[in-house]
């Protein structure tokens, strides 16, 4: 017998693919009277991007702070939209590698399902950039619904 779906983790990067996945997540949440856990992960800029000198380190910190503030504003906007749609939702803003944090959050928050958008990259683009959705699907301990962005 399948376990009831009580908590759905919706992972977003605020892209068009994520917007399509949101529609699916909202539909599933409403059908199952489930809570939606909205997760966004701010990935580290990395020292390699900022350089090794002191001004590079300062730039790294400023870029990361700006990314976090931007993510917070986007999350607040998204949560207002979900409230208007009468969806029970909680937000979670995390830092780290997206696929790792999404899988950890799903496990620690006892999500019964993950909904995530995919950009549908193929070939060299997928090889070099990887697929967060693909990694989440292979590592998660619960079902993962991927929604293509196009």
C-alpha atoms as a PDB file:
ATOM      1  CA  UNK A   1       0.000   0.000   0.000  1.00  0.00           C
ATOM      2  CA  UNK A   2       1.362   3.407  -0.948  1.00  0.00           C
ATOM      3  CA  UNK A   3       2.101   5.880   1.805  1.00  0.00           C
ATOM      4  CA  UNK A   4      -0.125   8.951   1.808  1.00  0.00           C
ATOM      5  CA  UNK A   5       1.443  12.126   0.474  1.00  0.00           C
ATOM      6  CA  UNK A   6       1.456  14.614   3.345  1.00  0.00           C
ATOM      7  CA  UNK A   7       4.509  16.739   2.529  1.00  0.00           C
ATOM      8  CA  UNK A   8       5.808  17.631  -0.925  1.00  0.00           C
ATOM      9  CA  UNK A   9       9.192  19.258  -1.308  1.00  0.00           C
ATOM     10  CA  UNK A  10       9.196  21.651  -4.248  1.00  0.00           C
ATOM     11  CA  UNK A  11      12.705  22.683  -5.266  1.00  0.00           C
ATOM     12  CA  UNK A  12      13.060  25.928  -7.183  1.00  0.00           C
ATOM     13  CA  UNK A  13      15.784  27.940  -8.851  1.00  0.00           C
ATOM     14  CA  UNK A  14      13.187  30.553  -9.878  1.00  0.00           C
ATOM     15  CA  UNK A  15      13.557  29.632 -13.568  1.00  0.00           C
ATOM     16  CA  UNK A  16      10.805  29.011 -16.136  1.00  0.00           C
ATOM     17  CA  UNK A  17      11.323  25.279 -15.662  1.00  0.00           C
ATOM     18  CA  UNK A  18      10.754  25.743 -11.932  1.00  0.00           C
ATOM     19  CA  UNK A  19       7.602  27.761 -12.593  1.00  0.00           C
ATOM     20  CA  UNK A  20       6.129  24.846 -14.555  1.00  0.00           C
ATOM     21  CA  UNK A  21       7.126  22.481 -11.764  1.00  0.00           C
ATOM     22  CA  UNK A  22       5.382  24.782  -9.281  1.00  0.00           C
ATOM     23  CA  UNK A  23       2.087  24.315 -11.123  1.00  0.00           C
ATOM     24  CA  UNK A  24       2.486  20.545 -10.782  1.00  0.00           C
ATOM     25  CA  UNK A  25       3.523  20.792  -7.119  1.00  0.00           C
ATOM     26  CA  UNK A  26       0.516  22.983  -6.282  1.00  0.00           C
ATOM     27  CA  UNK A  27      -1.827  20.599  -8.082  1.00  0.00           C
ATOM     28  CA  UNK A  28      -0.402  17.597  -6.211  1.00  0.00           C
ATOM     29  CA  UNK A  29      -0.523  19.438  -2.885  1.00  0.00           C
ATOM     30  CA  UNK A  30      -4.177  20.370  -3.375  1.00  0.00           C
ATOM     31  CA  UNK A  31      -5.174  16.868  -4.541  1.00  0.00           C
ATOM     32  CA  UNK A  32      -3.525  15.268  -1.521  1.00  0.00           C
ATOM     33  CA  UNK A  33      -4.216  18.002   1.049  1.00  0.00           C
ATOM     34  CA  UNK A  34      -0.449  18.069   1.503  1.00  0.00           C
ATOM     35  CA  UNK A  35       1.923  20.686   2.816  1.00  0.00           C
ATOM     36  CA  UNK A  36       4.328  22.191   0.303  1.00  0.00           C
ATOM     37  CA  UNK A  37       7.900  22.706   1.463  1.00  0.00           C
ATOM     38  CA  UNK A  38       9.434  25.252  -0.915  1.00  0.00           C
ATOM     39  CA  UNK A  39      13.214  24.912  -1.095  1.00  0.00           C
ATOM     40  CA  UNK A  40      15.763  27.128  -2.808  1.00  0.00           C
ATOM     41  CA  UNK A  41      19.484  26.511  -2.538  1.00  0.00           C
ATOM     42  CA  UNK A  42      22.017  29.317  -2.888  1.00  0.00           C
ATOM     43  CA  UNK A  43      25.075  27.600  -4.285  1.00  0.00           C
ATOM     44  CA  UNK A  44      28.515  28.830  -3.235  1.00  0.00           C
ATOM     45  CA  UNK A  45      30.189  31.172  -5.704  1.00  0.00           C
ATOM     46  CA  UNK A  46      33.509  29.522  -4.929  1.00  0.00           C
ATOM     47  CA  UNK A  47      36.897  31.020  -4.299  1.00  0.00           C
ATOM     48  CA  UNK A  48      37.927  30.141  -7.851  1.00  0.00           C
ATOM     49  CA  UNK A  49      35.426  32.676  -9.155  1.00  0.00           C
ATOM     50  CA  UNK A  50      36.623  35.451  -6.879  1.00  0.00           C
ATOM     51  CA  UNK A  51      40.363  34.969  -7.185  1.00  0.00           C
ATOM     52  CA  UNK A  52      42.898  34.662  -4.419  1.00  0.00           C
ATOM     53  CA  UNK A  53      43.711  38.246  -3.534  1.00  0.00           C
ATOM     54  CA  UNK A  54      41.970  40.113  -0.722  1.00  0.00           C
ATOM     55  CA  UNK A  55      39.750  42.159  -3.031  1.00  0.00           C
ATOM     56  CA  UNK A  56      38.677  38.885  -4.655  1.00  0.00           C
ATOM     57  CA  UNK A  57      37.640  37.493  -1.281  1.00  0.00           C
ATOM     58  CA  UNK A  58      35.600  40.631  -0.573  1.00  0.00           C
ATOM     59  CA  UNK A  59      33.962  40.309  -3.978  1.00  0.00           C
ATOM     60  CA  UNK A  60      33.123  36.677  -3.229  1.00  0.00           C
ATOM     61  CA  UNK A  61      31.369  37.665   0.007  1.00  0.00           C
ATOM     62  CA  UNK A  62      29.446  40.484  -1.705  1.00  0.00           C
ATOM     63  CA  UNK A  63      28.315  38.231  -4.552  1.00  0.00           C
ATOM     64  CA  UNK A  64      27.130  35.571  -2.114  1.00  0.00           C
ATOM     65  CA  UNK A  65      25.298  38.146   0.040  1.00  0.00           C
ATOM     66  CA  UNK A  66      23.595  39.613  -3.036  1.00  0.00           C
ATOM     67  CA  UNK A  67      22.573  36.145  -4.235  1.00  0.00           C
ATOM     68  CA  UNK A  68      21.123  35.323  -0.811  1.00  0.00           C
ATOM     69  CA  UNK A  69      19.173  38.602  -0.637  1.00  0.00           C
ATOM     70  CA  UNK A  70      17.842  38.102  -4.163  1.00  0.00           C
ATOM     71  CA  UNK A  71      16.824  34.533  -3.329  1.00  0.00           C
ATOM     72  CA  UNK A  72      15.051  35.726  -0.178  1.00  0.00           C
ATOM     73  CA  UNK A  73      13.069  38.343  -2.123  1.00  0.00           C
ATOM     74  CA  UNK A  74      12.096  35.766  -4.743  1.00  0.00           C
ATOM     75  CA  UNK A  75      11.063  33.321  -2.018  1.00  0.00           C
ATOM     76  CA  UNK A  76       8.875  35.931  -0.308  1.00  0.00           C
ATOM     77  CA  UNK A  77       7.145  36.668  -3.624  1.00  0.00           C
ATOM     78  CA  UNK A  78       6.581  32.964  -4.241  1.00  0.00           C
ATOM     79  CA  UNK A  79       5.202  32.408  -0.743  1.00  0.00           C
ATOM     80  CA  UNK A  80       2.719  35.279  -1.223  1.00  0.00           C
ATOM     81  CA  UNK A  81       1.564  33.622  -4.451  1.00  0.00           C
ATOM     82  CA  UNK A  82       1.064  30.296  -2.662  1.00  0.00           C
ATOM     83  CA  UNK A  83      -0.844  31.964   0.171  1.00  0.00           C
ATOM     84  CA  UNK A  84      -3.193  33.566  -2.368  1.00  0.00           C
ATOM     85  CA  UNK A  85      -3.682  30.133  -3.944  1.00  0.00           C
ATOM     86  CA  UNK A  86      -4.593  28.813  -0.467  1.00  0.00           C
ATOM     87  CA  UNK A  87      -1.752  26.297  -0.413  1.00  0.00           C
ATOM     88  CA  UNK A  88      -0.286  25.366   2.961  1.00  0.00           C
ATOM     89  CA  UNK A  89       3.413  26.071   2.438  1.00  0.00           C
ATOM     90  CA  UNK A  90       6.662  26.623   4.295  1.00  0.00           C
ATOM     91  CA  UNK A  91       9.873  28.017   2.862  1.00  0.00           C
ATOM     92  CA  UNK A  92      13.425  26.869   3.313  1.00  0.00           C
ATOM     93  CA  UNK A  93      16.433  28.790   1.995  1.00  0.00           C
ATOM     94  CA  UNK A  94      19.603  26.702   2.099  1.00  0.00           C
ATOM     95  CA  UNK A  95      23.257  27.093   1.123  1.00  0.00           C
ATOM     96  CA  UNK A  96      25.430  24.461  -0.512  1.00  0.00           C
ATOM     97  CA  UNK A  97      25.275  22.178  -3.524  1.00  0.00           C
ATOM     98  CA  UNK A  98      21.694  22.177  -4.750  1.00  0.00           C
ATOM     99  CA  UNK A  99      21.205  18.462  -5.255  1.00  0.00           C
ATOM    100  CA  UNK A 100      22.790  17.572  -1.896  1.00  0.00           C
ATOM    101  CA  UNK A 101      20.745  20.114   0.058  1.00  0.00           C
ATOM    102  CA  UNK A 102      17.486  19.141  -1.660  1.00  0.00           C
ATOM    103  CA  UNK A 103      17.988  15.447  -0.881  1.00  0.00           C
ATOM    104  CA  UNK A 104      19.014  16.205   2.728  1.00  0.00           C
ATOM    105  CA  UNK A 105      16.013  18.497   3.239  1.00  0.00           C
ATOM    106  CA  UNK A 106      13.610  15.912   1.821  1.00  0.00           C
ATOM    107  CA  UNK A 107      14.943  13.307   4.227  1.00  0.00           C
ATOM    108  CA  UNK A 108      15.173  15.505   7.333  1.00  0.00           C
ATOM    109  CA  UNK A 109      11.763  17.111   6.727  1.00  0.00           C
ATOM    110  CA  UNK A 110      10.169  13.743   5.918  1.00  0.00           C
ATOM    111  CA  UNK A 111       8.945  14.706   2.450  1.00  0.00           C
ATOM    112  CA  UNK A 112       6.876  12.021   0.736  1.00  0.00           C
ATOM    113  CA  UNK A 113       7.671  13.403  -2.711  1.00  0.00           C
ATOM    114  CA  UNK A 114       9.961  15.880  -4.470  1.00  0.00           C
ATOM    115  CA  UNK A 115       8.832  18.008  -7.411  1.00  0.00           C
ATOM    116  CA  UNK A 116      11.577  19.675  -9.426  1.00  0.00           C
ATOM    117  CA  UNK A 117      11.873  21.327 -12.811  1.00  0.00           C
ATOM    118  CA  UNK A 118      14.343  20.229 -15.424  1.00  0.00           C
ATOM    119  CA  UNK A 119      15.797  22.335 -18.185  1.00  0.00           C
ATOM    120  CA  UNK A 120      16.024  19.375 -20.551  1.00  0.00           C
ATOM    121  CA  UNK A 121      19.670  19.881 -21.401  1.00  0.00           C
ATOM    122  CA  UNK A 122      21.297  17.285 -23.598  1.00  0.00           C
ATOM    123  CA  UNK A 123      24.710  16.509 -25.006  1.00  0.00           C
ATOM    124  CA  UNK A 124      27.707  18.574 -23.953  1.00  0.00           C
ATOM    125  CA  UNK A 125      25.584  21.070 -22.036  1.00  0.00           C
ATOM    126  CA  UNK A 126      24.335  18.294 -19.748  1.00  0.00           C
ATOM    127  CA  UNK A 127      27.798  16.776 -19.467  1.00  0.00           C
ATOM    128  CA  UNK A 128      29.437  20.016 -18.344  1.00  0.00           C
ATOM    129  CA  UNK A 129      26.605  21.552 -16.343  1.00  0.00           C
ATOM    130  CA  UNK A 130      25.143  18.374 -14.924  1.00  0.00           C
ATOM    131  CA  UNK A 131      21.554  17.944 -13.948  1.00  0.00           C
ATOM    132  CA  UNK A 132      20.373  18.857 -10.474  1.00  0.00           C
ATOM    133  CA  UNK A 133      17.070  17.105 -11.154  1.00  0.00           C
ATOM    134  CA  UNK A 134      18.859  13.978 -12.361  1.00  0.00           C
ATOM    135  CA  UNK A 135      21.091  13.841  -9.318  1.00  0.00           C
ATOM    136  CA  UNK A 136      18.151  14.425  -6.981  1.00  0.00           C
ATOM    137  CA  UNK A 137      16.194  11.641  -8.697  1.00  0.00           C
ATOM    138  CA  UNK A 138      19.071   9.198  -8.320  1.00  0.00           C
ATOM    139  CA  UNK A 139      19.835  10.040  -4.666  1.00  0.00           C
ATOM    140  CA  UNK A 140      16.432  10.743  -3.100  1.00  0.00           C
ATOM    141  CA  UNK A 141      14.752   8.161  -0.890  1.00  0.00           C
ATOM    142  CA  UNK A 142      11.258   9.271  -1.955  1.00  0.00           C
ATOM    143  CA  UNK A 143       9.570   9.552  -5.366  1.00  0.00           C
ATOM    144  CA  UNK A 144      10.742  12.455  -7.549  1.00  0.00           C
ATOM    145  CA  UNK A 145       8.534  14.134 -10.143  1.00  0.00           C
ATOM    146  CA  UNK A 146      10.522  16.013 -12.775  1.00  0.00           C
ATOM    147  CA  UNK A 147       8.746  18.609 -14.883  1.00  0.00           C
ATOM    148  CA  UNK A 148      10.302  19.685 -18.146  1.00  0.00           C
ATOM    149  CA  UNK A 149      10.477  23.430 -18.560  1.00  0.00           C
ATOM    150  CA  UNK A 150       9.567  23.604 -22.250  1.00  0.00           C
END
